[in-house]
N, C-alpha and C. Protein backbone atom coordinates (compact mmCIF):
# COMPACT_ATOMS: atom_id res chain seq x y z
N UNK A 1 184.28 -31.90 -85.99
CA UNK A 1 184.41 -31.49 -87.36
C UNK A 1 183.64 -30.19 -87.56
N UNK A 2 184.19 -29.29 -88.33
CA UNK A 2 183.56 -28.00 -88.57
C UNK A 2 182.37 -28.14 -89.51
N UNK A 3 181.33 -27.35 -89.29
CA UNK A 3 180.14 -27.44 -90.14
C UNK A 3 180.44 -27.22 -91.63
N UNK A 4 181.37 -26.32 -91.93
CA UNK A 4 181.70 -26.06 -93.34
C UNK A 4 182.34 -27.29 -93.98
N UNK A 5 183.14 -28.03 -93.23
CA UNK A 5 183.78 -29.24 -93.74
C UNK A 5 182.73 -30.30 -94.05
N UNK A 6 181.75 -30.44 -93.17
CA UNK A 6 180.67 -31.40 -93.39
C UNK A 6 179.87 -31.01 -94.63
N UNK A 7 179.59 -29.73 -94.78
CA UNK A 7 178.84 -29.25 -95.93
C UNK A 7 179.59 -29.52 -97.24
N UNK A 8 180.88 -29.27 -97.25
CA UNK A 8 181.70 -29.52 -98.44
C UNK A 8 181.73 -31.02 -98.75
N UNK A 9 181.82 -31.85 -97.73
CA UNK A 9 181.83 -33.31 -97.93
C UNK A 9 180.51 -33.78 -98.53
N UNK A 10 179.40 -33.27 -98.02
CA UNK A 10 178.08 -33.66 -98.53
C UNK A 10 177.93 -33.21 -99.99
N UNK A 11 178.35 -31.99 -100.28
CA UNK A 11 178.26 -31.48 -101.65
C UNK A 11 179.12 -32.30 -102.60
N UNK A 12 180.29 -32.71 -102.15
CA UNK A 12 181.18 -33.53 -102.98
C UNK A 12 180.55 -34.88 -103.29
N UNK A 13 179.95 -35.50 -102.30
CA UNK A 13 179.29 -36.79 -102.51
C UNK A 13 178.14 -36.64 -103.49
N UNK A 14 177.37 -35.57 -103.37
CA UNK A 14 176.24 -35.33 -104.28
C UNK A 14 176.72 -35.17 -105.72
N UNK A 15 177.82 -34.47 -105.91
CA UNK A 15 178.37 -34.27 -107.26
C UNK A 15 178.83 -35.59 -107.85
N UNK A 16 179.52 -36.40 -107.06
CA UNK A 16 180.00 -37.70 -107.52
C UNK A 16 178.83 -38.61 -107.89
N UNK A 17 177.79 -38.64 -107.06
CA UNK A 17 176.62 -39.47 -107.35
C UNK A 17 175.91 -39.01 -108.61
N UNK A 18 175.82 -37.72 -108.81
CA UNK A 18 175.17 -37.18 -110.01
C UNK A 18 175.97 -37.54 -111.25
N UNK A 19 177.28 -37.48 -111.19
CA UNK A 19 178.13 -37.85 -112.32
C UNK A 19 178.02 -39.33 -112.62
N UNK A 20 177.96 -40.16 -111.59
CA UNK A 20 177.83 -41.61 -111.78
C UNK A 20 176.50 -41.94 -112.45
N UNK A 21 175.44 -41.23 -112.09
CA UNK A 21 174.13 -41.45 -112.70
C UNK A 21 174.16 -41.12 -114.18
N UNK A 22 174.90 -40.07 -114.55
CA UNK A 22 175.00 -39.69 -115.95
C UNK A 22 175.72 -40.76 -116.76
N UNK A 23 176.68 -41.44 -116.16
CA UNK A 23 177.46 -42.46 -116.86
C UNK A 23 176.69 -43.76 -116.93
N UNK A 24 176.08 -44.20 -115.85
CA UNK A 24 175.36 -45.46 -115.82
C UNK A 24 173.87 -45.19 -115.73
N UNK A 25 173.13 -45.59 -116.74
CA UNK A 25 171.68 -45.48 -116.69
C UNK A 25 171.10 -44.29 -117.42
N UNK A 26 171.80 -43.17 -117.48
CA UNK A 26 171.28 -42.00 -118.17
C UNK A 26 171.66 -42.01 -119.64
N UNK A 27 170.85 -41.39 -120.47
CA UNK A 27 171.15 -41.28 -121.90
C UNK A 27 172.15 -40.16 -122.12
N UNK A 28 173.18 -40.45 -122.92
CA UNK A 28 174.21 -39.47 -123.24
C UNK A 28 174.29 -39.30 -124.76
N UNK A 29 174.43 -38.07 -125.25
CA UNK A 29 174.50 -37.87 -126.70
C UNK A 29 175.75 -38.54 -127.28
N UNK A 30 175.60 -39.06 -128.48
CA UNK A 30 176.74 -39.62 -129.21
C UNK A 30 177.49 -38.45 -129.83
N UNK A 31 178.77 -38.35 -129.52
CA UNK A 31 179.55 -37.20 -129.98
C UNK A 31 179.93 -37.30 -131.45
N UNK A 32 180.20 -38.51 -131.94
CA UNK A 32 180.64 -38.69 -133.32
C UNK A 32 179.68 -39.63 -134.05
N UNK A 33 178.70 -39.07 -134.73
CA UNK A 33 177.71 -39.88 -135.44
C UNK A 33 178.30 -40.60 -136.66
N UNK A 34 179.50 -40.21 -137.07
CA UNK A 34 180.16 -40.86 -138.20
C UNK A 34 181.08 -42.00 -137.76
N UNK A 35 181.11 -42.26 -136.46
CA UNK A 35 181.93 -43.35 -135.92
C UNK A 35 181.55 -44.67 -136.60
N UNK A 36 182.54 -45.47 -136.93
CA UNK A 36 182.31 -46.74 -137.63
C UNK A 36 181.36 -47.65 -136.85
N UNK A 37 181.53 -47.74 -135.54
CA UNK A 37 180.69 -48.63 -134.73
C UNK A 37 179.24 -48.14 -134.70
N UNK A 38 179.04 -46.84 -134.63
CA UNK A 38 177.68 -46.27 -134.65
C UNK A 38 177.02 -46.61 -135.98
N UNK A 39 177.76 -46.49 -137.07
CA UNK A 39 177.24 -46.84 -138.40
C UNK A 39 176.88 -48.33 -138.46
N UNK A 40 177.73 -49.18 -137.87
CA UNK A 40 177.45 -50.62 -137.84
C UNK A 40 176.16 -50.92 -137.07
N UNK A 41 175.96 -50.23 -135.96
CA UNK A 41 174.74 -50.42 -135.16
C UNK A 41 173.52 -50.00 -135.99
N UNK A 42 173.62 -48.88 -136.70
CA UNK A 42 172.51 -48.40 -137.54
C UNK A 42 172.23 -49.38 -138.68
N UNK A 43 173.28 -49.89 -139.32
CA UNK A 43 173.11 -50.89 -140.40
C UNK A 43 172.43 -52.14 -139.85
N UNK A 44 172.87 -52.58 -138.67
CA UNK A 44 172.26 -53.75 -138.03
C UNK A 44 170.76 -53.51 -137.83
N UNK A 45 170.40 -52.33 -137.36
CA UNK A 45 168.98 -52.02 -137.10
C UNK A 45 168.16 -52.11 -138.38
N UNK A 46 168.65 -51.52 -139.46
CA UNK A 46 167.91 -51.52 -140.72
C UNK A 46 167.81 -52.94 -141.29
N UNK A 47 168.91 -53.67 -141.29
CA UNK A 47 168.91 -55.04 -141.83
C UNK A 47 168.00 -55.95 -141.01
N UNK A 48 168.06 -55.82 -139.69
CA UNK A 48 167.22 -56.65 -138.83
C UNK A 48 165.75 -56.30 -139.02
N UNK A 49 165.45 -55.01 -139.12
CA UNK A 49 164.07 -54.59 -139.39
C UNK A 49 163.60 -55.17 -140.72
N UNK A 50 164.45 -55.06 -141.75
CA UNK A 50 164.11 -55.60 -143.07
C UNK A 50 163.81 -57.09 -143.02
N UNK A 51 164.55 -57.84 -142.23
CA UNK A 51 164.39 -59.29 -142.20
C UNK A 51 163.03 -59.71 -141.64
N UNK A 52 162.37 -58.84 -140.90
CA UNK A 52 161.07 -59.17 -140.33
C UNK A 52 159.89 -58.63 -141.12
N UNK A 53 160.15 -58.02 -142.27
CA UNK A 53 159.07 -57.38 -143.02
C UNK A 53 158.21 -58.35 -143.82
N UNK A 54 158.77 -59.44 -144.25
CA UNK A 54 158.02 -60.33 -145.12
C UNK A 54 158.28 -59.98 -146.58
N UNK A 55 157.84 -60.83 -147.49
CA UNK A 55 158.21 -60.67 -148.90
C UNK A 55 157.48 -59.56 -149.66
N UNK A 56 156.39 -59.02 -149.14
CA UNK A 56 155.60 -58.06 -149.93
C UNK A 56 155.90 -56.61 -149.59
N UNK A 57 156.80 -56.37 -148.70
CA UNK A 57 157.13 -54.99 -148.33
C UNK A 57 158.57 -54.71 -148.75
N UNK A 58 158.77 -53.56 -149.38
CA UNK A 58 160.09 -53.18 -149.89
C UNK A 58 161.08 -52.96 -148.74
N UNK A 59 162.23 -53.64 -148.78
CA UNK A 59 163.24 -53.43 -147.72
C UNK A 59 163.83 -52.02 -147.80
N UNK A 60 164.43 -51.62 -146.70
CA UNK A 60 165.06 -50.31 -146.60
C UNK A 60 166.57 -50.42 -146.71
N UNK A 61 167.20 -49.30 -147.04
CA UNK A 61 168.66 -49.20 -146.95
C UNK A 61 168.98 -47.92 -146.19
N UNK A 62 170.02 -48.00 -145.38
CA UNK A 62 170.44 -46.87 -144.55
C UNK A 62 171.03 -45.77 -145.42
N UNK A 63 170.58 -44.54 -145.18
CA UNK A 63 171.13 -43.37 -145.86
C UNK A 63 172.09 -42.65 -144.92
N UNK A 64 171.64 -42.37 -143.68
CA UNK A 64 172.48 -41.62 -142.75
C UNK A 64 172.05 -41.84 -141.30
N UNK A 65 172.98 -41.54 -140.40
CA UNK A 65 172.69 -41.50 -138.97
C UNK A 65 172.61 -40.02 -138.62
N UNK A 66 171.44 -39.58 -138.17
CA UNK A 66 171.20 -38.15 -137.98
C UNK A 66 171.22 -37.68 -136.53
N UNK A 67 171.19 -38.61 -135.60
CA UNK A 67 171.22 -38.26 -134.18
C UNK A 67 171.34 -39.54 -133.38
N UNK A 68 171.73 -39.39 -132.12
CA UNK A 68 171.81 -40.59 -131.32
C UNK A 68 172.26 -40.35 -129.90
N UNK A 69 171.89 -41.32 -129.07
CA UNK A 69 172.27 -41.32 -127.66
C UNK A 69 172.64 -42.74 -127.28
N UNK A 70 173.45 -42.86 -126.25
CA UNK A 70 173.76 -44.17 -125.68
C UNK A 70 173.37 -44.18 -124.22
N UNK A 71 173.07 -45.37 -123.74
CA UNK A 71 172.74 -45.58 -122.34
C UNK A 71 173.53 -46.81 -121.88
N UNK A 72 174.36 -46.61 -120.86
CA UNK A 72 175.16 -47.71 -120.34
C UNK A 72 174.32 -48.48 -119.33
N UNK A 73 174.12 -49.75 -119.61
CA UNK A 73 173.43 -50.66 -118.70
C UNK A 73 174.35 -51.87 -118.57
N UNK A 74 173.85 -53.07 -118.53
CA UNK A 74 174.74 -54.24 -118.63
C UNK A 74 174.98 -54.49 -120.10
N UNK A 75 175.70 -53.60 -120.71
CA UNK A 75 175.89 -53.49 -122.14
C UNK A 75 175.57 -52.05 -122.50
N UNK A 76 175.17 -51.82 -123.74
CA UNK A 76 174.87 -50.46 -124.18
C UNK A 76 173.59 -50.44 -125.00
N UNK A 77 172.71 -49.50 -124.68
CA UNK A 77 171.56 -49.22 -125.52
C UNK A 77 171.93 -48.07 -126.44
N UNK A 78 171.60 -48.21 -127.71
CA UNK A 78 171.80 -47.15 -128.69
C UNK A 78 170.43 -46.69 -129.16
N UNK A 79 170.16 -45.41 -129.02
CA UNK A 79 168.93 -44.82 -129.55
C UNK A 79 169.36 -43.91 -130.70
N UNK A 80 169.05 -44.35 -131.92
CA UNK A 80 169.53 -43.64 -133.10
C UNK A 80 168.38 -43.09 -133.93
N UNK A 81 168.57 -41.91 -134.47
CA UNK A 81 167.68 -41.37 -135.49
C UNK A 81 168.39 -41.59 -136.82
N UNK A 82 167.74 -42.36 -137.69
CA UNK A 82 168.36 -42.69 -138.97
C UNK A 82 167.43 -42.29 -140.11
N UNK A 83 168.04 -42.02 -141.25
CA UNK A 83 167.28 -41.83 -142.48
C UNK A 83 167.50 -43.07 -143.32
N UNK A 84 166.40 -43.63 -143.81
CA UNK A 84 166.46 -44.81 -144.67
C UNK A 84 165.52 -44.61 -145.84
N UNK A 85 165.85 -45.26 -146.93
CA UNK A 85 165.05 -45.17 -148.14
C UNK A 85 164.77 -46.57 -148.66
N UNK A 86 163.69 -46.77 -149.39
CA UNK A 86 163.47 -48.09 -149.97
C UNK A 86 164.69 -48.51 -150.80
N UNK A 87 165.05 -49.77 -150.73
CA UNK A 87 166.27 -50.27 -151.36
C UNK A 87 166.32 -50.01 -152.86
N UNK A 88 165.16 -49.91 -153.51
CA UNK A 88 165.16 -49.71 -154.96
C UNK A 88 165.18 -48.23 -155.35
N UNK A 89 165.23 -47.33 -154.38
CA UNK A 89 165.27 -45.90 -154.68
C UNK A 89 166.68 -45.35 -154.50
N UNK A 90 166.95 -44.25 -155.17
CA UNK A 90 168.23 -43.58 -155.05
C UNK A 90 168.34 -42.91 -153.68
N UNK A 91 169.55 -42.89 -153.16
CA UNK A 91 169.80 -42.20 -151.88
C UNK A 91 169.47 -40.72 -152.04
N UNK A 92 169.64 -40.19 -153.25
CA UNK A 92 169.33 -38.78 -153.51
C UNK A 92 167.85 -38.48 -153.31
N UNK A 93 167.02 -39.53 -153.32
CA UNK A 93 165.58 -39.32 -153.12
C UNK A 93 165.26 -38.87 -151.70
N UNK A 94 166.23 -38.94 -150.83
CA UNK A 94 166.01 -38.48 -149.45
C UNK A 94 165.76 -39.63 -148.52
N UNK A 95 164.53 -39.99 -148.34
CA UNK A 95 164.19 -41.08 -147.43
C UNK A 95 163.36 -40.58 -146.27
N UNK A 96 163.04 -41.49 -145.39
CA UNK A 96 162.24 -41.19 -144.21
C UNK A 96 163.08 -41.41 -142.96
N UNK A 97 162.69 -40.73 -141.88
CA UNK A 97 163.41 -40.87 -140.61
C UNK A 97 162.76 -41.94 -139.75
N UNK A 98 163.61 -42.66 -139.03
CA UNK A 98 163.17 -43.71 -138.11
C UNK A 98 163.98 -43.57 -136.82
N UNK A 99 163.37 -44.02 -135.73
CA UNK A 99 164.10 -44.14 -134.47
C UNK A 99 164.35 -45.63 -134.26
N UNK A 100 165.61 -45.97 -134.11
CA UNK A 100 165.99 -47.36 -133.86
C UNK A 100 166.62 -47.45 -132.48
N UNK A 101 166.21 -48.43 -131.71
CA UNK A 101 166.86 -48.70 -130.43
C UNK A 101 167.46 -50.10 -130.52
N UNK A 102 168.76 -50.17 -130.30
CA UNK A 102 169.50 -51.43 -130.36
C UNK A 102 170.22 -51.63 -129.04
N UNK A 103 170.11 -52.84 -128.51
CA UNK A 103 170.86 -53.21 -127.30
C UNK A 103 172.06 -54.03 -127.75
N UNK A 104 173.24 -53.69 -127.24
CA UNK A 104 174.45 -54.47 -127.50
C UNK A 104 175.00 -54.94 -126.16
N UNK A 105 175.08 -56.27 -126.00
CA UNK A 105 175.55 -56.84 -124.74
C UNK A 105 177.06 -56.65 -124.60
N UNK A 106 177.55 -56.96 -123.42
CA UNK A 106 178.99 -56.86 -123.16
C UNK A 106 179.78 -57.81 -124.06
N UNK A 107 179.14 -58.87 -124.55
CA UNK A 107 179.81 -59.81 -125.46
C UNK A 107 179.52 -59.46 -126.93
N UNK A 108 179.05 -58.24 -127.17
CA UNK A 108 178.81 -57.69 -128.51
C UNK A 108 177.67 -58.34 -129.28
N UNK A 109 176.75 -59.00 -128.59
CA UNK A 109 175.56 -59.54 -129.23
C UNK A 109 174.54 -58.40 -129.32
N UNK A 110 173.99 -58.19 -130.52
CA UNK A 110 173.06 -57.08 -130.74
C UNK A 110 171.63 -57.58 -130.83
N UNK A 111 170.69 -56.74 -130.36
CA UNK A 111 169.27 -57.05 -130.44
C UNK A 111 168.53 -55.77 -130.80
N UNK A 112 167.69 -55.85 -131.84
CA UNK A 112 166.87 -54.70 -132.20
C UNK A 112 165.69 -54.64 -131.25
N UNK A 113 165.61 -53.57 -130.47
CA UNK A 113 164.55 -53.39 -129.48
C UNK A 113 163.33 -52.75 -130.14
N UNK A 114 163.54 -51.73 -130.96
CA UNK A 114 162.43 -51.09 -131.67
C UNK A 114 162.96 -50.37 -132.91
N UNK A 115 162.06 -50.21 -133.87
CA UNK A 115 162.36 -49.49 -135.11
C UNK A 115 161.05 -48.88 -135.57
N UNK A 116 160.91 -47.57 -135.37
CA UNK A 116 159.62 -46.92 -135.64
C UNK A 116 159.81 -45.67 -136.50
N UNK A 117 158.80 -45.33 -137.30
CA UNK A 117 158.86 -44.07 -138.06
C UNK A 117 158.99 -42.89 -137.09
N UNK A 118 159.74 -41.88 -137.49
CA UNK A 118 159.97 -40.70 -136.66
C UNK A 118 159.48 -39.47 -137.41
N UNK A 119 158.63 -38.70 -136.77
CA UNK A 119 158.09 -37.50 -137.42
C UNK A 119 158.97 -36.31 -137.19
């Protein structure tokens, strides 16, 4: 086999492996933040966070999804930047930003991994 053929074969394998890594395991930007499913994941994060607050803390309501990435694992991790405001305030008041990480299994079961204020 010619050396150039071997070099091309090795380079091709490296490109394929790099592309596979980007698809499985690496974080990829969400192209459409207005997608219905992305909005559902964000709503799930806010509602689940609210359910763990206890009675003396004002619950939040989702205002917008401002950024996000997905990671394909055995299911999908969603890392979303969301704006939320206290439920008793107007959406026009703006709100605060949070980073929510939600895992969705292959059977569509969702779990809130984290929900933290974002500066």
